[in-house]
Protein backbone atom coordinates (compact mmCIF):
# COMPACT_ATOMS: atom_id res chain seq x y z
CA UNK A 1 0.00 0.00 0.00
CA UNK A 2 1.37 3.41 -0.95
CA UNK A 3 0.90 6.05 1.73
CA UNK A 4 1.53 9.79 1.90
CA UNK A 5 1.25 11.53 5.26
CA UNK A 6 0.40 15.18 5.93
CA UNK A 7 3.97 15.81 7.14
CA UNK A 8 5.39 14.85 3.72
CA UNK A 9 6.44 11.33 4.69
CA UNK A 10 5.60 8.93 1.90
CA UNK A 11 6.31 5.40 0.80
CA UNK A 12 5.09 1.85 0.55
CA UNK A 13 4.03 -0.23 3.51
CA UNK A 14 3.49 -3.99 3.38
CA UNK A 15 0.54 -4.93 5.58
CA UNK A 16 0.56 -8.62 4.69
CA UNK A 17 1.91 -9.65 8.10
CA UNK A 18 -0.68 -7.49 9.88
CA UNK A 19 -3.56 -8.96 7.87
CA UNK A 20 -2.49 -12.61 7.76
CA UNK A 21 -1.07 -13.10 11.25
CA UNK A 22 -4.06 -11.68 13.08
CA UNK A 23 -6.84 -14.26 13.29
CA UNK A 24 -9.67 -11.90 14.20
CA UNK A 25 -12.54 -12.00 11.69
CA UNK A 26 -12.10 -8.33 10.76
CA UNK A 27 -8.59 -9.10 9.42
CA UNK A 28 -9.60 -12.39 7.78
CA UNK A 29 -12.11 -10.47 5.64
CA UNK A 30 -9.22 -8.58 4.00
CA UNK A 31 -7.14 -11.56 2.91
CA UNK A 32 -8.41 -11.46 -0.65
CA UNK A 33 -6.79 -8.81 -2.86
CA UNK A 34 -10.11 -7.37 -4.02
CA UNK A 35 -11.31 -7.02 -0.43
CA UNK A 36 -8.02 -5.45 0.64
CA UNK A 37 -8.25 -2.89 -2.19
CA UNK A 38 -11.60 -1.68 -0.85
CA UNK A 39 -9.96 0.95 1.34
CA UNK A 40 -10.15 4.69 1.68
CA UNK A 41 -8.90 7.46 3.92
CA UNK A 42 -11.23 9.09 6.43
CA UNK A 43 -10.10 11.52 9.13
CA UNK A 44 -6.45 10.80 8.21
CA UNK A 45 -6.94 7.09 8.87
CA UNK A 46 -6.80 4.14 6.46
CA UNK A 47 -10.20 2.45 6.55
CA UNK A 48 -11.76 -0.59 4.93
CA UNK A 49 -15.31 -1.59 4.03
CA UNK A 50 -15.60 -3.81 7.13
CA UNK A 51 -14.89 -0.87 9.46
CA UNK A 52 -11.29 -1.85 10.19
CA UNK A 53 -9.12 1.20 10.50
CA UNK A 54 -5.39 1.52 11.05
CA UNK A 55 -4.08 4.62 12.75
CA UNK A 56 -1.48 6.65 10.85
CA UNK A 57 0.95 6.17 13.74
CA UNK A 58 0.71 2.38 13.35
CA UNK A 59 1.26 2.55 9.58
CA UNK A 60 4.20 4.95 9.92
CA UNK A 61 5.80 2.62 12.50
CA UNK A 62 5.36 -0.36 10.14
CA UNK A 63 6.97 1.64 7.32
CA UNK A 64 9.96 2.50 9.50
CA UNK A 65 10.38 -1.13 10.61
CA UNK A 66 10.30 -2.34 7.01
CA UNK A 67 12.87 0.22 5.91
CA UNK A 68 15.25 -0.77 8.69
CA UNK A 69 14.92 -4.41 7.56
CA UNK A 70 15.97 -3.45 4.04
CA UNK A 71 19.42 -2.45 5.35
CA UNK A 72 19.43 0.78 3.40
CA UNK A 73 19.01 -0.87 0.01
CA UNK A 74 16.53 0.87 -2.31
CA UNK A 75 14.76 2.70 0.47
CA UNK A 76 11.17 3.44 -0.37
CA UNK A 77 10.46 5.51 2.76
CA UNK A 78 11.15 9.22 2.58
CA UNK A 79 10.49 11.96 5.06
CA UNK A 80 10.43 15.54 3.79
């Protein structure tokens, strides 16, 4: 998922682990690509059709974790 924050931070975040490792029904509903794509932004929060929302702080933290795992190679996370 490509994200751009109000502070200029932008990049890609992989939410596969979040969606597939959580066994609550609300996450299971998003395991199909078409269902996952049914998202939007409301009140600066990523939201899905099933009322799941992920706070921007959570997404930004995931982005930072993923960048640190890439060991500086082809960083996709930028902060302006």
